[in-house]
Amino acid sequence: MRMWTTIAILAVAAAIFWLEFPRLKKAGKIKDIWFFSIILFLTTTVSVLESRGVNVPNPLDSIQAFYQAIGL
């Protein structure tokens, strides 16, 4: 079942890239293409890891630990 979830996540990410990249390229937005590609890659990676059962750390846990350490 995990394999199909991974394939679905990758298919959705590929569809998003396929729909958005040509628009950005046509508009000549190089910085936006880089930002879009990096964010899409990171979110796809985290989604695949989550679907595979890997324990991905939650950033909110770090923020809470910081504020507990300083006593707020």
PDB file of N, CA and C in Angstrom:
ATOM      1  N   MET A   1       0.819  -1.196   0.000  1.00  0.00           N
ATOM      2  CA  MET A   1       0.000   0.000   0.000  1.00  0.00           C
ATOM      3  C   MET A   1       0.864   1.262   0.000  1.00  0.00           C
ATOM      4  N   ARG A   2       1.989   1.235   0.709  1.00  0.00           N
ATOM      5  CA  ARG A   2       2.861   2.411   0.765  1.00  0.00           C
ATOM      6  C   ARG A   2       3.420   2.765  -0.607  1.00  0.00           C
ATOM      7  N   MET A   3       3.666   1.752  -1.424  1.00  0.00           N
ATOM      8  CA  MET A   3       4.209   2.013  -2.751  1.00  0.00           C
ATOM      9  C   MET A   3       3.227   2.839  -3.576  1.00  0.00           C
ATOM     10  N   TRP A   4       1.946   2.518  -3.498  1.00  0.00           N
ATOM     11  CA  TRP A   4       0.942   3.248  -4.264  1.00  0.00           C
ATOM     12  C   TRP A   4       0.793   4.674  -3.758  1.00  0.00           C
ATOM     13  N   THR A   5       0.920   4.848  -2.477  1.00  0.00           N
ATOM     14  CA  THR A   5       0.856   6.203  -1.916  1.00  0.00           C
ATOM     15  C   THR A   5       2.031   7.034  -2.414  1.00  0.00           C
ATOM     16  N   THR A   6       3.198   6.437  -2.433  1.00  0.00           N
ATOM     17  CA  THR A   6       4.390   7.129  -2.927  1.00  0.00           C
ATOM     18  C   THR A   6       4.235   7.484  -4.401  1.00  0.00           C
ATOM     19  N   ILE A   7       3.737   6.556  -5.174  1.00  0.00           N
ATOM     20  CA  ILE A   7       3.527   6.802  -6.608  1.00  0.00           C
ATOM     21  C   ILE A   7       2.506   7.918  -6.806  1.00  0.00           C
ATOM     22  N   ALA A   8       1.453   7.930  -6.001  1.00  0.00           N
ATOM     23  CA  ALA A   8       0.437   8.981  -6.112  1.00  0.00           C
ATOM     24  C   ALA A   8       1.020  10.344  -5.768  1.00  0.00           C
ATOM     25  N   ILE A   9       1.829  10.401  -4.725  1.00  0.00           N
ATOM     26  CA  ILE A   9       2.456  11.669  -4.338  1.00  0.00           C
ATOM     27  C   ILE A   9       3.369  12.168  -5.454  1.00  0.00           C
ATOM     28  N   LEU A  10       4.174  11.283  -6.008  1.00  0.00           N
ATOM     29  CA  LEU A  10       5.073  11.676  -7.095  1.00  0.00           C
ATOM     30  C   LEU A  10       4.302  12.094  -8.344  1.00  0.00           C
ATOM     31  N   ALA A  11       3.179  11.424  -8.617  1.00  0.00           N
ATOM     32  CA  ALA A  11       2.354  11.783  -9.778  1.00  0.00           C
ATOM     33  C   ALA A  11       1.734  13.166  -9.599  1.00  0.00           C
ATOM     34  N   VAL A  12       1.256  13.462  -8.403  1.00  0.00           N
ATOM     35  CA  VAL A  12       0.675  14.783  -8.139  1.00  0.00           C
ATOM     36  C   VAL A  12       1.749  15.861  -8.241  1.00  0.00           C
ATOM     37  N   ALA A  13       2.923  15.600  -7.694  1.00  0.00           N
ATOM     38  CA  ALA A  13       4.022  16.571  -7.781  1.00  0.00           C
ATOM     39  C   ALA A  13       4.429  16.796  -9.241  1.00  0.00           C
ATOM     40  N   ALA A  14       4.478  15.727 -10.017  1.00  0.00           N
ATOM     41  CA  ALA A  14       4.824  15.865 -11.442  1.00  0.00           C
ATOM     42  C   ALA A  14       3.753  16.661 -12.185  1.00  0.00           C
ATOM     43  N   ALA A  15       2.484  16.432 -11.849  1.00  0.00           N
ATOM     44  CA  ALA A  15       1.397  17.180 -12.493  1.00  0.00           C
ATOM     45  C   ALA A  15       1.476  18.662 -12.140  1.00  0.00           C
ATOM     46  N   ILE A  16       1.762  18.969 -10.885  1.00  0.00           N
ATOM     47  CA  ILE A  16       1.898  20.366 -10.468  1.00  0.00           C
ATOM     48  C   ILE A  16       3.056  21.024 -11.223  1.00  0.00           C
ATOM     49  N   PHE A  17       4.181  20.322 -11.308  1.00  0.00           N
ATOM     50  CA  PHE A  17       5.332  20.855 -12.029  1.00  0.00           C
ATOM     51  C   PHE A  17       4.998  21.055 -13.498  1.00  0.00           C
ATOM     52  N   TRP A  18       4.325  20.083 -14.088  1.00  0.00           N
ATOM     53  CA  TRP A  18       3.956  20.130 -15.506  1.00  0.00           C
ATOM     54  C   TRP A  18       3.017  21.296 -15.795  1.00  0.00           C
ATOM     55  N   LEU A  19       2.141  21.634 -14.860  1.00  0.00           N
ATOM     56  CA  LEU A  19       1.203  22.739 -15.066  1.00  0.00           C
ATOM     57  C   LEU A  19       1.830  24.110 -14.819  1.00  0.00           C
ATOM     58  N   GLU A  20       2.690  24.217 -13.839  1.00  0.00           N
ATOM     59  CA  GLU A  20       3.210  25.520 -13.440  1.00  0.00           C
ATOM     60  C   GLU A  20       4.513  25.931 -14.134  1.00  0.00           C
ATOM     61  N   PHE A  21       5.395  24.995 -14.375  1.00  0.00           N
ATOM     62  CA  PHE A  21       6.709  25.328 -14.934  1.00  0.00           C
ATOM     63  C   PHE A  21       6.621  26.053 -16.281  1.00  0.00           C
ATOM     64  N   PRO A  22       5.806  25.582 -17.227  1.00  0.00           N
ATOM     65  CA  PRO A  22       5.753  26.305 -18.509  1.00  0.00           C
ATOM     66  C   PRO A  22       5.280  27.753 -18.371  1.00  0.00           C
ATOM     67  N   ARG A  23       4.349  28.001 -17.459  1.00  0.00           N
ATOM     68  CA  ARG A  23       3.870  29.377 -17.248  1.00  0.00           C
ATOM     69  C   ARG A  23       4.996  30.267 -16.721  1.00  0.00           C
ATOM     70  N   LEU A  24       5.727  29.746 -15.759  1.00  0.00           N
ATOM     71  CA  LEU A  24       6.824  30.528 -15.188  1.00  0.00           C
ATOM     72  C   LEU A  24       7.931  30.747 -16.212  1.00  0.00           C
ATOM     73  N   LYS A  25       8.226  29.725 -17.000  1.00  0.00           N
ATOM     74  CA  LYS A  25       9.282  29.832 -18.004  1.00  0.00           C
ATOM     75  C   LYS A  25       8.893  30.839 -19.084  1.00  0.00           C
ATOM     76  N   LYS A  26       7.628  30.788 -19.496  1.00  0.00           N
ATOM     77  CA  LYS A  26       7.149  31.707 -20.523  1.00  0.00           C
ATOM     78  C   LYS A  26       7.218  33.155 -20.042  1.00  0.00           C
ATOM     79  N   ALA A  27       6.943  33.366 -18.758  1.00  0.00           N
ATOM     80  CA  ALA A  27       6.991  34.709 -18.186  1.00  0.00           C
ATOM     81  C   ALA A  27       8.428  35.151 -17.891  1.00  0.00           C
ATOM     82  N   GLY A  28       9.393  34.223 -17.987  1.00  0.00           N
ATOM     83  CA  GLY A  28      10.790  34.565 -17.755  1.00  0.00           C
ATOM     84  C   GLY A  28      11.128  34.799 -16.302  1.00  0.00           C
ATOM     85  N   LYS A  29      10.422  34.151 -15.420  1.00  0.00           N
ATOM     86  CA  LYS A  29      10.633  34.336 -13.978  1.00  0.00           C
ATOM     87  C   LYS A  29      11.592  33.272 -13.447  1.00  0.00           C
ATOM     88  N   ILE A  30      12.862  33.510 -13.625  1.00  0.00           N
ATOM     89  CA  ILE A  30      13.902  32.547 -13.256  1.00  0.00           C
ATOM     90  C   ILE A  30      13.950  32.334 -11.750  1.00  0.00           C
ATOM     91  N   LYS A  31      13.901  33.406 -10.969  1.00  0.00           N
ATOM     92  CA  LYS A  31      13.949  33.266  -9.513  1.00  0.00           C
ATOM     93  C   LYS A  31      12.728  32.503  -9.001  1.00  0.00           C
ATOM     94  N   ASP A  32      11.574  32.787  -9.586  1.00  0.00           N
ATOM     95  CA  ASP A  32      10.359  32.075  -9.193  1.00  0.00           C
ATOM     96  C   ASP A  32      10.434  30.602  -9.551  1.00  0.00           C
ATOM     97  N   ILE A  33      11.058  30.280 -10.670  1.00  0.00           N
ATOM     98  CA  ILE A  33      11.227  28.871 -11.063  1.00  0.00           C
ATOM     99  C   ILE A  33      12.081  28.149 -10.035  1.00  0.00           C
ATOM    100  N   TRP A  34      13.176  28.779  -9.606  1.00  0.00           N
ATOM    101  CA  TRP A  34      14.041  28.155  -8.596  1.00  0.00           C
ATOM    102  C   TRP A  34      13.311  27.959  -7.276  1.00  0.00           C
ATOM    103  N   PHE A  35      12.631  29.005  -6.823  1.00  0.00           N
ATOM    104  CA  PHE A  35      11.905  28.934  -5.562  1.00  0.00           C
ATOM    105  C   PHE A  35      10.817  27.866  -5.633  1.00  0.00           C
ATOM    106  N   PHE A  36      10.042  27.864  -6.697  1.00  0.00           N
ATOM    107  CA  PHE A  36       8.984  26.887  -6.902  1.00  0.00           C
ATOM    108  C   PHE A  36       9.548  25.465  -6.914  1.00  0.00           C
ATOM    109  N   SER A  37      10.631  25.256  -7.633  1.00  0.00           N
ATOM    110  CA  SER A  37      11.226  23.921  -7.742  1.00  0.00           C
ATOM    111  C   SER A  37      11.748  23.423  -6.398  1.00  0.00           C
ATOM    112  N   ILE A  38      12.403  24.295  -5.663  1.00  0.00           N
ATOM    113  CA  ILE A  38      12.955  23.901  -4.365  1.00  0.00           C
ATOM    114  C   ILE A  38      11.840  23.569  -3.384  1.00  0.00           C
ATOM    115  N   ILE A  39      10.821  24.417  -3.307  1.00  0.00           N
ATOM    116  CA  ILE A  39       9.704  24.181  -2.387  1.00  0.00           C
ATOM    117  C   ILE A  39       8.948  22.921  -2.778  1.00  0.00           C
ATOM    118  N   LEU A  40       8.715  22.716  -4.069  1.00  0.00           N
ATOM    119  CA  LEU A  40       8.027  21.504  -4.529  1.00  0.00           C
ATOM    120  C   LEU A  40       8.841  20.258  -4.190  1.00  0.00           C
ATOM    121  N   PHE A  41      10.154  20.320  -4.381  1.00  0.00           N
ATOM    122  CA  PHE A  41      11.014  19.184  -4.058  1.00  0.00           C
ATOM    123  C   PHE A  41      10.986  18.869  -2.564  1.00  0.00           C
ATOM    124  N   LEU A  42      11.099  19.908  -1.735  1.00  0.00           N
ATOM    125  CA  LEU A  42      11.104  19.693  -0.285  1.00  0.00           C
ATOM    126  C   LEU A  42       9.774  19.128   0.214  1.00  0.00           C
ATOM    127  N   THR A  43       8.676  19.694  -0.256  1.00  0.00           N
ATOM    128  CA  THR A  43       7.374  19.201   0.206  1.00  0.00           C
ATOM    129  C   THR A  43       7.090  17.795  -0.310  1.00  0.00           C
ATOM    130  N   THR A  44       7.526  17.496  -1.510  1.00  0.00           N
ATOM    131  CA  THR A  44       7.361  16.147  -2.043  1.00  0.00           C
ATOM    132  C   THR A  44       8.194  15.156  -1.240  1.00  0.00           C
ATOM    133  N   THR A  45       9.411  15.529  -0.905  1.00  0.00           N
ATOM    134  CA  THR A  45      10.280  14.662  -0.119  1.00  0.00           C
ATOM    135  C   THR A  45       9.682  14.370   1.252  1.00  0.00           C
ATOM    136  N   VAL A  46       9.204  15.413   1.924  1.00  0.00           N
ATOM    137  CA  VAL A  46       8.599  15.218   3.245  1.00  0.00           C
ATOM    138  C   VAL A  46       7.346  14.348   3.138  1.00  0.00           C
ATOM    139  N   SER A  47       6.544  14.566   2.113  1.00  0.00           N
ATOM    140  CA  SER A  47       5.330  13.768   1.929  1.00  0.00           C
ATOM    141  C   SER A  47       5.646  12.298   1.684  1.00  0.00           C
ATOM    142  N   VAL A  48       6.651  12.026   0.876  1.00  0.00           N
ATOM    143  CA  VAL A  48       7.044  10.639   0.616  1.00  0.00           C
ATOM    144  C   VAL A  48       7.577   9.995   1.891  1.00  0.00           C
ATOM    145  N   LEU A  49       8.399  10.717   2.637  1.00  0.00           N
ATOM    146  CA  LEU A  49       8.919  10.179   3.895  1.00  0.00           C
ATOM    147  C   LEU A  49       7.790   9.874   4.869  1.00  0.00           C
ATOM    148  N   GLU A  50       6.828  10.781   4.978  1.00  0.00           N
ATOM    149  CA  GLU A  50       5.672  10.545   5.856  1.00  0.00           C
ATOM    150  C   GLU A  50       4.882   9.320   5.405  1.00  0.00           C
ATOM    151  N   SER A  51       4.695   9.168   4.105  1.00  0.00           N
ATOM    152  CA  SER A  51       3.925   8.026   3.607  1.00  0.00           C
ATOM    153  C   SER A  51       4.662   6.707   3.825  1.00  0.00           C
ATOM    154  N   ARG A  52       5.977   6.773   3.922  1.00  0.00           N
ATOM    155  CA  ARG A  52       6.788   5.577   4.159  1.00  0.00           C
ATOM    156  C   ARG A  52       6.917   5.233   5.635  1.00  0.00           C
ATOM    157  N   GLY A  53       6.376   6.077   6.498  1.00  0.00           N
ATOM    158  CA  GLY A  53       6.412   5.791   7.930  1.00  0.00           C
ATOM    159  C   GLY A  53       7.638   6.308   8.646  1.00  0.00           C
ATOM    160  N   VAL A  54       8.408   7.166   7.992  1.00  0.00           N
ATOM    161  CA  VAL A  54       9.594   7.747   8.620  1.00  0.00           C
ATOM    162  C   VAL A  54       9.139   8.843   9.572  1.00  0.00           C
ATOM    163  N   ASN A  55       9.721   8.879  10.752  1.00  0.00           N
ATOM    164  CA  ASN A  55       9.369   9.892  11.734  1.00  0.00           C
ATOM    165  C   ASN A  55      10.061  11.201  11.368  1.00  0.00           C
ATOM    166  N   VAL A  56       9.304  12.137  10.812  1.00  0.00           N
ATOM    167  CA  VAL A  56       9.836  13.434  10.417  1.00  0.00           C
ATOM    168  C   VAL A  56       9.611  14.402  11.578  1.00  0.00           C
ATOM    169  N   PRO A  57      10.666  15.085  12.038  1.00  0.00           N
ATOM    170  CA  PRO A  57      10.509  15.983  13.183  1.00  0.00           C
ATOM    171  C   PRO A  57       9.581  17.151  12.862  1.00  0.00           C
ATOM    172  N   ASN A  58       8.818  17.526  13.855  1.00  0.00           N
ATOM    173  CA  ASN A  58       7.891  18.639  13.729  1.00  0.00           C
ATOM    174  C   ASN A  58       8.593  19.907  14.204  1.00  0.00           C
ATOM    175  N   PRO A  59       8.642  20.961  13.392  1.00  0.00           N
ATOM    176  CA  PRO A  59       9.312  22.196  13.810  1.00  0.00           C
ATOM    177  C   PRO A  59       8.690  22.821  15.062  1.00  0.00           C
ATOM    178  N   LEU A  60       7.425  22.596  15.284  1.00  0.00           N
ATOM    179  CA  LEU A  60       6.765  23.164  16.451  1.00  0.00           C
ATOM    180  C   LEU A  60       7.346  22.588  17.746  1.00  0.00           C
ATOM    181  N   ASP A  61       7.787  21.339  17.727  1.00  0.00           N
ATOM    182  CA  ASP A  61       8.420  20.745  18.907  1.00  0.00           C
ATOM    183  C   ASP A  61       9.684  21.506  19.302  1.00  0.00           C
ATOM    184  N   SER A  62      10.474  21.922  18.326  1.00  0.00           N
ATOM    185  CA  SER A  62      11.695  22.692  18.606  1.00  0.00           C
ATOM    186  C   SER A  62      11.365  24.056  19.180  1.00  0.00           C
ATOM    187  N   ILE A  63      10.341  24.688  18.644  1.00  0.00           N
ATOM    188  CA  ILE A  63       9.936  26.004  19.144  1.00  0.00           C
ATOM    189  C   ILE A  63       9.454  25.896  20.587  1.00  0.00           C
ATOM    190  N   GLN A  64       8.659  24.882  20.888  1.00  0.00           N
ATOM    191  CA  GLN A  64       8.177  24.685  22.256  1.00  0.00           C
ATOM    192  C   GLN A  64       9.324  24.399  23.214  1.00  0.00           C
ATOM    193  N   ALA A  65      10.280  23.595  22.792  1.00  0.00           N
ATOM    194  CA  ALA A  65      11.433  23.280  23.642  1.00  0.00           C
ATOM    195  C   ALA A  65      12.248  24.539  23.921  1.00  0.00           C
ATOM    196  N   PHE A  66      12.392  25.394  22.931  1.00  0.00           N
ATOM    197  CA  PHE A  66      13.130  26.647  23.122  1.00  0.00           C
ATOM    198  C   PHE A  66      12.450  27.527  24.168  1.00  0.00           C
ATOM    199  N   TYR A  67      11.160  27.717  24.030  1.00  0.00           N
ATOM    200  CA  TYR A  67      10.454  28.580  24.972  1.00  0.00           C
ATOM    201  C   TYR A  67      10.356  27.970  26.366  1.00  0.00           C
ATOM    202  N   GLN A  68      10.316  26.667  26.459  1.00  0.00           N
ATOM    203  CA  GLN A  68      10.333  26.032  27.779  1.00  0.00           C
ATOM    204  C   GLN A  68      11.693  26.195  28.426  1.00  0.00           C
ATOM    205  N   ALA A  69      12.758  26.194  27.644  1.00  0.00           N
ATOM    206  CA  ALA A  69      14.104  26.329  28.200  1.00  0.00           C
ATOM    207  C   ALA A  69      14.343  27.724  28.777  1.00  0.00           C
ATOM    208  N   ILE A  70      13.742  28.732  28.157  1.00  0.00           N
ATOM    209  CA  ILE A  70      13.957  30.100  28.659  1.00  0.00           C
ATOM    210  C   ILE A  70      12.878  30.506  29.660  1.00  0.00           C
ATOM    211  N   GLY A  71      11.935  29.622  29.907  1.00  0.00           N
ATOM    212  CA  GLY A  71      10.954  29.832  30.967  1.00  0.00           C
ATOM    213  C   GLY A  71       9.728  30.639  30.594  1.00  0.00           C
ATOM    214  N   LEU A  72       9.383  30.664  29.327  1.00  0.00           N
ATOM    215  CA  LEU A  72       8.166  31.393  28.921  1.00  0.00           C
ATOM    216  C   LEU A  72       6.989  30.476  28.763  1.00  0.00           C
TER     217      LEU A  72
END
